[in-house]
């Protein structure tokens, strides 16, 4: 029910303020702060995100148009470009990262799907990365190529809720496989990786965590079949094999058994090994 508040203030009321204050206290975010608190800083950045601002200058121009409404919007007594810039530069990013994961968890709990297409008991995750190009003259710290800057956004995506559960930002030069070191695997869950993440030492950690992984096999994949399972070829599955890796170093990285599936996609006319 509308109580006379601005829409932005009504939206931000859904954010758990006590949880945020607890996180700020843990990181000493408001230490020696007089007026422009971490809460005010976050609301300014949310305002910029919702209004699709492209830069801090653009954000400040938009905020200054509502200067008389700062208090009612929850932005504090005043907002200046200097205060916002210092806050973004000096305050710990962990405050907002921890709060983001709290909100992700709440969103996942409220959007859990019982009618997921695949009947599995555990959660199903997909892990992949996207390269975001940046102007090197502006973002000088984001070195990528000689005349080009960029960062990589590594995301663990919950397929049952369509909500990300983990986000990691690195330099664009970082190999995708290195991002797997930051993941914490849930027992009984399924993790889907692309071929770029085929590192048997890291994949064995998934197995050791009592979780499962699915990935496409590379062309040089050496596999020794031990036995096969029965399959229904009308489903597209051509074979279902259990075996082990061949090669000294491969067996050292992944000493356990692997399951290889050959699948033929009729629509695309393509055969893949998983």
C-alpha atoms as a PDB file:
ATOM      1  CA  UNK A   1       0.000   0.000   0.000  1.00  0.00           C
ATOM      2  CA  UNK A   2       1.350   3.435  -0.953  1.00  0.00           C
ATOM      3  CA  UNK A   3       2.120   5.435   2.205  1.00  0.00           C
ATOM      4  CA  UNK A   4       3.287   8.535   0.385  1.00  0.00           C
ATOM      5  CA  UNK A   5       6.860   7.302  -0.103  1.00  0.00           C
ATOM      6  CA  UNK A   6       8.785   7.475  -3.350  1.00  0.00           C
ATOM      7  CA  UNK A   7       8.878   4.254  -5.376  1.00  0.00           C
ATOM      8  CA  UNK A   8      12.659   3.975  -4.925  1.00  0.00           C
ATOM      9  CA  UNK A   9      12.253   4.192  -1.118  1.00  0.00           C
ATOM     10  CA  UNK A  10       9.515   1.552  -1.233  1.00  0.00           C
ATOM     11  CA  UNK A  11      11.766  -0.799  -3.240  1.00  0.00           C
ATOM     12  CA  UNK A  12      14.739  -0.447  -0.904  1.00  0.00           C
ATOM     13  CA  UNK A  13      12.520  -1.203   2.121  1.00  0.00           C
ATOM     14  CA  UNK A  14      12.637  -4.861   1.045  1.00  0.00           C
ATOM     15  CA  UNK A  15      16.393  -4.957   1.690  1.00  0.00           C
ATOM     16  CA  UNK A  16      17.254  -6.471   5.121  1.00  0.00           C
ATOM     17  CA  UNK A  17      18.823  -3.425   6.812  1.00  0.00           C
ATOM     18  CA  UNK A  18      19.838  -5.280   9.972  1.00  0.00           C
ATOM     19  CA  UNK A  19      21.721  -7.904   7.993  1.00  0.00           C
ATOM     20  CA  UNK A  20      23.518  -5.186   6.065  1.00  0.00           C
ATOM     21  CA  UNK A  21      24.419  -3.289   9.252  1.00  0.00           C
ATOM     22  CA  UNK A  22      25.839  -6.496  10.743  1.00  0.00           C
ATOM     23  CA  UNK A  23      28.048  -7.003   7.665  1.00  0.00           C
ATOM     24  CA  UNK A  24      29.188  -3.369   7.806  1.00  0.00           C
ATOM     25  CA  UNK A  25      30.072  -3.744  11.484  1.00  0.00           C
ATOM     26  CA  UNK A  26      32.086  -6.895  10.736  1.00  0.00           C
ATOM     27  CA  UNK A  27      34.181  -5.020   8.157  1.00  0.00           C
ATOM     28  CA  UNK A  28      34.338  -1.683  10.070  1.00  0.00           C
ATOM     29  CA  UNK A  29      32.749   0.009   7.070  1.00  0.00           C
ATOM     30  CA  UNK A  30      31.350   3.023   8.959  1.00  0.00           C
ATOM     31  CA  UNK A  31      34.467   3.671  11.008  1.00  0.00           C
ATOM     32  CA  UNK A  32      35.181   7.442  11.214  1.00  0.00           C
ATOM     33  CA  UNK A  33      32.172   8.167   8.988  1.00  0.00           C
ATOM     34  CA  UNK A  34      30.081  11.227   9.855  1.00  0.00           C
ATOM     35  CA  UNK A  35      27.170  11.240   7.434  1.00  0.00           C
ATOM     36  CA  UNK A  36      27.663   9.326   4.170  1.00  0.00           C
ATOM     37  CA  UNK A  37      27.342   5.741   5.457  1.00  0.00           C
ATOM     38  CA  UNK A  38      27.756   2.443   3.631  1.00  0.00           C
ATOM     39  CA  UNK A  39      23.979   2.191   3.402  1.00  0.00           C
ATOM     40  CA  UNK A  40      23.789   5.584   1.659  1.00  0.00           C
ATOM     41  CA  UNK A  41      26.616   4.522  -0.663  1.00  0.00           C
ATOM     42  CA  UNK A  42      24.846   1.300  -1.637  1.00  0.00           C
ATOM     43  CA  UNK A  43      21.556   3.089  -2.328  1.00  0.00           C
ATOM     44  CA  UNK A  44      23.369   5.537  -4.596  1.00  0.00           C
ATOM     45  CA  UNK A  45      24.851   2.659  -6.586  1.00  0.00           C
ATOM     46  CA  UNK A  46      21.460   0.900  -6.729  1.00  0.00           C
ATOM     47  CA  UNK A  47      19.915   4.126  -8.002  1.00  0.00           C
ATOM     48  CA  UNK A  48      22.560   4.273 -10.722  1.00  0.00           C
ATOM     49  CA  UNK A  49      21.931   0.651 -11.695  1.00  0.00           C
ATOM     50  CA  UNK A  50      18.147   1.038 -11.865  1.00  0.00           C
ATOM     51  CA  UNK A  51      18.398   4.223 -13.925  1.00  0.00           C
ATOM     52  CA  UNK A  52      21.074   2.751 -16.253  1.00  0.00           C
ATOM     53  CA  UNK A  53      23.776   5.331 -15.520  1.00  0.00           C
ATOM     54  CA  UNK A  54      26.982   4.878 -17.533  1.00  0.00           C
ATOM     55  CA  UNK A  55      29.481   6.623 -15.231  1.00  0.00           C
ATOM     56  CA  UNK A  56      29.818   8.338 -11.875  1.00  0.00           C
ATOM     57  CA  UNK A  57      29.479  11.731 -13.561  1.00  0.00           C
ATOM     58  CA  UNK A  58      26.257  10.571 -15.205  1.00  0.00           C
ATOM     59  CA  UNK A  59      25.050   9.197 -11.854  1.00  0.00           C
ATOM     60  CA  UNK A  60      25.761  12.456 -10.022  1.00  0.00           C
ATOM     61  CA  UNK A  61      23.939  14.506 -12.653  1.00  0.00           C
ATOM     62  CA  UNK A  62      20.921  12.264 -12.201  1.00  0.00           C
ATOM     63  CA  UNK A  63      21.104  12.465  -8.394  1.00  0.00           C
ATOM     64  CA  UNK A  64      21.507  16.236  -8.340  1.00  0.00           C
ATOM     65  CA  UNK A  65      18.190  16.539 -10.156  1.00  0.00           C
ATOM     66  CA  UNK A  66      16.605  15.024  -7.025  1.00  0.00           C
ATOM     67  CA  UNK A  67      18.706  16.918  -4.476  1.00  0.00           C
ATOM     68  CA  UNK A  68      15.681  18.099  -2.505  1.00  0.00           C
ATOM     69  CA  UNK A  69      14.544  14.489  -2.106  1.00  0.00           C
ATOM     70  CA  UNK A  70      17.819  12.951  -0.813  1.00  0.00           C
ATOM     71  CA  UNK A  71      16.525  12.318   2.688  1.00  0.00           C
ATOM     72  CA  UNK A  72      13.225  10.764   1.556  1.00  0.00           C
ATOM     73  CA  UNK A  73      15.041   8.561  -0.957  1.00  0.00           C
ATOM     74  CA  UNK A  74      17.290   7.264   1.829  1.00  0.00           C
ATOM     75  CA  UNK A  75      20.473   8.732   0.323  1.00  0.00           C
ATOM     76  CA  UNK A  76      21.385  10.797   3.379  1.00  0.00           C
ATOM     77  CA  UNK A  77      21.612  14.524   3.956  1.00  0.00           C
ATOM     78  CA  UNK A  78      23.824  15.157   0.939  1.00  0.00           C
ATOM     79  CA  UNK A  79      25.669  13.286  -1.794  1.00  0.00           C
ATOM     80  CA  UNK A  80      28.705  14.700  -3.560  1.00  0.00           C
ATOM     81  CA  UNK A  81      30.893  13.242  -6.240  1.00  0.00           C
ATOM     82  CA  UNK A  82      33.894  13.505  -3.890  1.00  0.00           C
ATOM     83  CA  UNK A  83      32.210  11.595  -1.061  1.00  0.00           C
ATOM     84  CA  UNK A  84      30.909   8.884  -3.377  1.00  0.00           C
ATOM     85  CA  UNK A  85      34.287   8.548  -5.108  1.00  0.00           C
ATOM     86  CA  UNK A  86      36.181   8.266  -1.805  1.00  0.00           C
ATOM     87  CA  UNK A  87      33.685   5.722  -0.496  1.00  0.00           C
ATOM     88  CA  UNK A  88      34.003   3.560  -3.617  1.00  0.00           C
ATOM     89  CA  UNK A  89      37.780   3.776  -3.481  1.00  0.00           C
ATOM     90  CA  UNK A  90      38.433   3.276   0.256  1.00  0.00           C
ATOM     91  CA  UNK A  91      35.657   1.054   1.619  1.00  0.00           C
ATOM     92  CA  UNK A  92      35.947  -2.712   1.466  1.00  0.00           C
ATOM     93  CA  UNK A  93      34.163  -4.345  -1.461  1.00  0.00           C
ATOM     94  CA  UNK A  94      33.555  -7.354   0.810  1.00  0.00           C
ATOM     95  CA  UNK A  95      30.691  -5.465   2.457  1.00  0.00           C
ATOM     96  CA  UNK A  96      28.664  -5.392  -0.732  1.00  0.00           C
ATOM     97  CA  UNK A  97      29.855  -8.796  -1.911  1.00  0.00           C
ATOM     98  CA  UNK A  98      28.679 -10.477   1.290  1.00  0.00           C
ATOM     99  CA  UNK A  99      25.342  -8.654   1.115  1.00  0.00           C
ATOM    100  CA  UNK A 100      24.911  -9.647  -2.523  1.00  0.00           C
ATOM    101  CA  UNK A 101      25.314 -13.320  -1.616  1.00  0.00           C
ATOM    102  CA  UNK A 102      22.703 -12.901   1.140  1.00  0.00           C
ATOM    103  CA  UNK A 103      20.245 -11.504  -1.399  1.00  0.00           C
ATOM    104  CA  UNK A 104      21.094 -14.239  -3.927  1.00  0.00           C
ATOM    105  CA  UNK A 105      20.351 -16.889  -1.322  1.00  0.00           C
ATOM    106  CA  UNK A 106      17.000 -15.275  -0.472  1.00  0.00           C
ATOM    107  CA  UNK A 107      16.106 -15.091  -4.157  1.00  0.00           C
ATOM    108  CA  UNK A 108      16.980 -18.752  -4.695  1.00  0.00           C
ATOM    109  CA  UNK A 109      14.823 -19.823  -1.760  1.00  0.00           C
ATOM    110  CA  UNK A 110      11.808 -17.935  -3.103  1.00  0.00           C
ATOM    111  CA  UNK A 111      12.220 -19.110  -6.715  1.00  0.00           C
ATOM    112  CA  UNK A 112      12.974 -22.822  -6.231  1.00  0.00           C
ATOM    113  CA  UNK A 113      11.339 -24.901  -8.970  1.00  0.00           C
ATOM    114  CA  UNK A 114       9.826 -28.296  -8.304  1.00  0.00           C
ATOM    115  CA  UNK A 115       9.021 -28.827 -12.009  1.00  0.00           C
ATOM    116  CA  UNK A 116      12.621 -28.794 -13.262  1.00  0.00           C
ATOM    117  CA  UNK A 117      12.979 -30.529 -16.642  1.00  0.00           C
ATOM    118  CA  UNK A 118      15.431 -33.152 -15.324  1.00  0.00           C
ATOM    119  CA  UNK A 119      14.395 -35.237 -12.315  1.00  0.00           C
ATOM    120  CA  UNK A 120      17.401 -35.038  -9.989  1.00  0.00           C
ATOM    121  CA  UNK A 121      17.540 -34.708  -6.216  1.00  0.00           C
ATOM    122  CA  UNK A 122      20.490 -32.318  -5.985  1.00  0.00           C
ATOM    123  CA  UNK A 123      20.988 -28.826  -7.347  1.00  0.00           C
ATOM    124  CA  UNK A 124      22.174 -28.334 -10.936  1.00  0.00           C
ATOM    125  CA  UNK A 125      24.765 -25.635 -11.659  1.00  0.00           C
ATOM    126  CA  UNK A 126      26.421 -24.337 -14.827  1.00  0.00           C
ATOM    127  CA  UNK A 127      29.790 -22.576 -14.635  1.00  0.00           C
ATOM    128  CA  UNK A 128      31.046 -20.329 -17.408  1.00  0.00           C
ATOM    129  CA  UNK A 129      32.727 -16.995 -18.053  1.00  0.00           C
ATOM    130  CA  UNK A 130      32.133 -13.912 -20.189  1.00  0.00           C
ATOM    131  CA  UNK A 131      34.787 -11.453 -21.329  1.00  0.00           C
ATOM    132  CA  UNK A 132      33.797  -7.793 -20.981  1.00  0.00           C
ATOM    133  CA  UNK A 133      35.779  -5.387 -23.161  1.00  0.00           C
ATOM    134  CA  UNK A 134      36.971  -2.133 -21.548  1.00  0.00           C
ATOM    135  CA  UNK A 135      38.715   0.967 -22.834  1.00  0.00           C
ATOM    136  CA  UNK A 136      42.356   0.584 -21.829  1.00  0.00           C
ATOM    137  CA  UNK A 137      42.977   4.346 -21.638  1.00  0.00           C
ATOM    138  CA  UNK A 138      40.250   4.641 -18.986  1.00  0.00           C
ATOM    139  CA  UNK A 139      40.545   1.265 -17.227  1.00  0.00           C
ATOM    140  CA  UNK A 140      44.337   1.102 -17.304  1.00  0.00           C
ATOM    141  CA  UNK A 141      44.395  -1.643 -14.661  1.00  0.00           C
ATOM    142  CA  UNK A 142      42.370  -4.059 -16.858  1.00  0.00           C
ATOM    143  CA  UNK A 143      45.220  -5.205 -19.096  1.00  0.00           C
ATOM    144  CA  UNK A 144      44.135  -7.700 -21.721  1.00  0.00           C
ATOM    145  CA  UNK A 145      45.812  -7.089 -25.075  1.00  0.00           C
ATOM    146  CA  UNK A 146      48.197  -4.448 -26.389  1.00  0.00           C
ATOM    147  CA  UNK A 147      45.503  -1.913 -27.257  1.00  0.00           C
ATOM    148  CA  UNK A 148      42.533  -3.423 -25.457  1.00  0.00           C
ATOM    149  CA  UNK A 149      41.426  -3.811 -21.846  1.00  0.00           C
ATOM    150  CA  UNK A 150      38.997  -6.269 -20.369  1.00  0.00           C
ATOM    151  CA  UNK A 151      37.804  -8.317 -17.422  1.00  0.00           C
ATOM    152  CA  UNK A 152      36.277 -11.777 -17.073  1.00  0.00           C
ATOM    153  CA  UNK A 153      33.043 -12.418 -15.263  1.00  0.00           C
ATOM    154  CA  UNK A 154      32.975 -16.016 -13.956  1.00  0.00           C
ATOM    155  CA  UNK A 155      29.472 -17.073 -12.906  1.00  0.00           C
ATOM    156  CA  UNK A 156      28.076 -20.176 -11.224  1.00  0.00           C
ATOM    157  CA  UNK A 157      24.446 -20.346 -12.337  1.00  0.00           C
ATOM    158  CA  UNK A 158      21.729 -22.288 -10.534  1.00  0.00           C
ATOM    159  CA  UNK A 159      19.678 -23.848 -13.341  1.00  0.00           C
ATOM    160  CA  UNK A 160      16.751 -24.735 -11.072  1.00  0.00           C
ATOM    161  CA  UNK A 161      16.150 -21.140  -9.989  1.00  0.00           C
ATOM    162  CA  UNK A 162      17.795 -19.254 -12.913  1.00  0.00           C
ATOM    163  CA  UNK A 163      19.733 -17.210 -10.352  1.00  0.00           C
ATOM    164  CA  UNK A 164      23.548 -16.910 -10.034  1.00  0.00           C
ATOM    165  CA  UNK A 165      25.028 -18.231  -6.799  1.00  0.00           C
ATOM    166  CA  UNK A 166      28.667 -17.209  -7.229  1.00  0.00           C
ATOM    167  CA  UNK A 167      30.316 -14.406  -9.198  1.00  0.00           C
ATOM    168  CA  UNK A 168      34.050 -13.818  -9.615  1.00  0.00           C
ATOM    169  CA  UNK A 169      35.632 -10.913 -11.512  1.00  0.00           C
ATOM    170  CA  UNK A 170      39.209 -11.372 -12.724  1.00  0.00           C
ATOM    171  CA  UNK A 171      41.536 -10.013 -15.339  1.00  0.00           C
ATOM    172  CA  UNK A 172      40.663 -11.108 -18.873  1.00  0.00           C
ATOM    173  CA  UNK A 173      44.054 -12.848 -19.037  1.00  0.00           C
ATOM    174  CA  UNK A 174      43.105 -15.367 -16.329  1.00  0.00           C
ATOM    175  CA  UNK A 175      42.503 -18.870 -17.659  1.00  0.00           C
ATOM    176  CA  UNK A 176      38.976 -20.158 -17.070  1.00  0.00           C
ATOM    177  CA  UNK A 177      40.242 -23.244 -15.259  1.00  0.00           C
ATOM    178  CA  UNK A 178      41.844 -21.118 -12.519  1.00  0.00           C
ATOM    179  CA  UNK A 179      38.413 -19.835 -11.495  1.00  0.00           C
ATOM    180  CA  UNK A 180      37.433 -23.381 -10.484  1.00  0.00           C
ATOM    181  CA  UNK A 181      39.720 -23.043  -7.462  1.00  0.00           C
ATOM    182  CA  UNK A 182      37.241 -20.592  -5.902  1.00  0.00           C
ATOM    183  CA  UNK A 183      34.253 -22.921  -6.087  1.00  0.00           C
ATOM    184  CA  UNK A 184      32.869 -24.805  -3.098  1.00  0.00           C
ATOM    185  CA  UNK A 185      31.106 -27.950  -4.274  1.00  0.00           C
ATOM    186  CA  UNK A 186      27.875 -29.157  -2.681  1.00  0.00           C
ATOM    187  CA  UNK A 187      27.550 -32.851  -1.959  1.00  0.00           C
ATOM    188  CA  UNK A 188      24.969 -34.468  -4.232  1.00  0.00           C
ATOM    189  CA  UNK A 189      24.842 -31.582  -6.721  1.00  0.00           C
ATOM    190  CA  UNK A 190      25.625 -31.544 -10.449  1.00  0.00           C
ATOM    191  CA  UNK A 191      28.086 -29.142 -12.096  1.00  0.00           C
ATOM    192  CA  UNK A 192      28.150 -28.501 -15.849  1.00  0.00           C
ATOM    193  CA  UNK A 193      31.391 -27.244 -17.420  1.00  0.00           C
ATOM    194  CA  UNK A 194      32.453 -26.448 -20.960  1.00  0.00           C
ATOM    195  CA  UNK A 195      35.519 -28.037 -22.563  1.00  0.00           C
ATOM    196  CA  UNK A 196      37.649 -25.092 -21.464  1.00  0.00           C
ATOM    197  CA  UNK A 197      37.385 -26.345 -17.872  1.00  0.00           C
ATOM    198  CA  UNK A 198      38.720 -29.848 -18.540  1.00  0.00           C
ATOM    199  CA  UNK A 199      41.461 -30.112 -15.929  1.00  0.00           C
ATOM    200  CA  UNK A 200      41.383 -33.569 -14.369  1.00  0.00           C
ATOM    201  CA  UNK A 201      43.099 -32.503 -11.161  1.00  0.00           C
ATOM    202  CA  UNK A 202      40.411 -29.880 -10.541  1.00  0.00           C
ATOM    203  CA  UNK A 203      37.590 -32.129 -11.738  1.00  0.00           C
ATOM    204  CA  UNK A 204      38.700 -34.816  -9.302  1.00  0.00           C
ATOM    205  CA  UNK A 205      38.017 -32.339  -6.478  1.00  0.00           C
ATOM    206  CA  UNK A 206      34.379 -32.370  -7.594  1.00  0.00           C
ATOM    207  CA  UNK A 207      34.369 -36.150  -7.275  1.00  0.00           C
ATOM    208  CA  UNK A 208      36.063 -35.963  -3.863  1.00  0.00           C
ATOM    209  CA  UNK A 209      33.300 -33.598  -2.699  1.00  0.00           C
ATOM    210  CA  UNK A 210      30.730 -36.326  -3.493  1.00  0.00           C
ATOM    211  CA  UNK A 211      29.301 -34.240  -6.333  1.00  0.00           C
ATOM    212  CA  UNK A 212      28.986 -34.940 -10.071  1.00  0.00           C
ATOM    213  CA  UNK A 213      30.261 -33.042 -13.076  1.00  0.00           C
ATOM    214  CA  UNK A 214      29.291 -33.050 -16.758  1.00  0.00           C
ATOM    215  CA  UNK A 215      31.590 -31.739 -19.491  1.00  0.00           C
ATOM    216  CA  UNK A 216      32.343 -32.308 -23.150  1.00  0.00           C
ATOM    217  CA  UNK A 217      35.376 -34.435 -23.945  1.00  0.00           C
ATOM    218  CA  UNK A 218      38.253 -32.957 -25.921  1.00  0.00           C
ATOM    219  CA  UNK A 219      39.430 -34.523 -29.185  1.00  0.00           C
ATOM    220  CA  UNK A 220      42.621 -35.833 -27.567  1.00  0.00           C
ATOM    221  CA  UNK A 221      40.699 -37.451 -24.711  1.00  0.00           C
ATOM    222  CA  UNK A 222      42.236 -40.890 -24.013  1.00  0.00           C
ATOM    223  CA  UNK A 223      39.846 -43.257 -22.312  1.00  0.00           C
ATOM    224  CA  UNK A 224      40.059 -47.004 -21.575  1.00  0.00           C
ATOM    225  CA  UNK A 225      36.669 -48.691 -21.367  1.00  0.00           C
ATOM    226  CA  UNK A 226      36.140 -51.174 -18.542  1.00  0.00           C
ATOM    227  CA  UNK A 227      32.483 -52.065 -19.161  1.00  0.00           C
ATOM    228  CA  UNK A 228      29.342 -50.625 -20.746  1.00  0.00           C
ATOM    229  CA  UNK A 229      25.794 -50.023 -19.594  1.00  0.00           C
ATOM    230  CA  UNK A 230      22.620 -50.742 -21.506  1.00  0.00           C
ATOM    231  CA  UNK A 231      21.213 -47.751 -23.375  1.00  0.00           C
ATOM    232  CA  UNK A 232      18.061 -46.856 -25.273  1.00  0.00           C
ATOM    233  CA  UNK A 233      19.383 -45.515 -28.577  1.00  0.00           C
ATOM    234  CA  UNK A 234      16.033 -43.943 -29.427  1.00  0.00           C
ATOM    235  CA  UNK A 235      16.852 -41.261 -26.799  1.00  0.00           C
ATOM    236  CA  UNK A 236      19.979 -40.241 -28.702  1.00  0.00           C
ATOM    237  CA  UNK A 237      22.398 -41.984 -26.321  1.00  0.00           C
ATOM    238  CA  UNK A 238      24.650 -44.215 -28.445  1.00  0.00           C
ATOM    239  CA  UNK A 239      26.754 -45.706 -25.652  1.00  0.00           C
ATOM    240  CA  UNK A 240      27.276 -45.405 -21.895  1.00  0.00           C
ATOM    241  CA  UNK A 241      30.726 -46.565 -20.755  1.00  0.00           C
ATOM    242  CA  UNK A 242      32.629 -46.793 -17.481  1.00  0.00           C
ATOM    243  CA  UNK A 243      36.401 -46.682 -17.565  1.00  0.00           C
ATOM    244  CA  UNK A 244      39.587 -44.875 -16.609  1.00  0.00           C
ATOM    245  CA  UNK A 245      41.931 -42.359 -18.147  1.00  0.00           C
ATOM    246  CA  UNK A 246      44.997 -43.465 -20.071  1.00  0.00           C
ATOM    247  CA  UNK A 247      48.367 -41.864 -19.555  1.00  0.00           C
ATOM    248  CA  UNK A 248      50.587 -41.549 -16.495  1.00  0.00           C
ATOM    249  CA  UNK A 249      49.861 -37.914 -15.628  1.00  0.00           C
ATOM    250  CA  UNK A 250      46.147 -38.172 -16.424  1.00  0.00           C
ATOM    251  CA  UNK A 251      45.777 -41.168 -14.107  1.00  0.00           C
ATOM    252  CA  UNK A 252      47.739 -39.330 -11.439  1.00  0.00           C
ATOM    253  CA  UNK A 253      45.404 -36.317 -11.650  1.00  0.00           C
ATOM    254  CA  UNK A 254      42.239 -38.432 -11.797  1.00  0.00           C
ATOM    255  CA  UNK A 255      42.796 -41.945 -10.378  1.00  0.00           C
ATOM    256  CA  UNK A 256      39.078 -42.770 -10.131  1.00  0.00           C
ATOM    257  CA  UNK A 257      36.604 -44.109 -12.656  1.00  0.00           C
ATOM    258  CA  UNK A 258      34.891 -41.940 -15.259  1.00  0.00           C
ATOM    259  CA  UNK A 259      31.655 -42.276 -17.161  1.00  0.00           C
ATOM    260  CA  UNK A 260      31.673 -41.490 -20.893  1.00  0.00           C
ATOM    261  CA  UNK A 261      28.467 -41.047 -22.878  1.00  0.00           C
ATOM    262  CA  UNK A 262      28.169 -40.740 -26.643  1.00  0.00           C
ATOM    263  CA  UNK A 263      25.139 -38.711 -27.664  1.00  0.00           C
ATOM    264  CA  UNK A 264      23.769 -37.957 -31.133  1.00  0.00           C
ATOM    265  CA  UNK A 265      21.643 -34.849 -31.617  1.00  0.00           C
ATOM    266  CA  UNK A 266      19.245 -35.588 -34.500  1.00  0.00           C
ATOM    267  CA  UNK A 267      18.153 -31.970 -34.966  1.00  0.00           C
ATOM    268  CA  UNK A 268      21.694 -30.611 -35.226  1.00  0.00           C
ATOM    269  CA  UNK A 269      23.161 -33.746 -36.783  1.00  0.00           C
ATOM    270  CA  UNK A 270      26.016 -33.669 -34.296  1.00  0.00           C
ATOM    271  CA  UNK A 271      27.564 -36.338 -32.078  1.00  0.00           C
ATOM    272  CA  UNK A 272      29.173 -35.433 -28.755  1.00  0.00           C
ATOM    273  CA  UNK A 273      31.086 -37.256 -26.044  1.00  0.00           C
ATOM    274  CA  UNK A 274      30.259 -36.340 -22.436  1.00  0.00           C
END
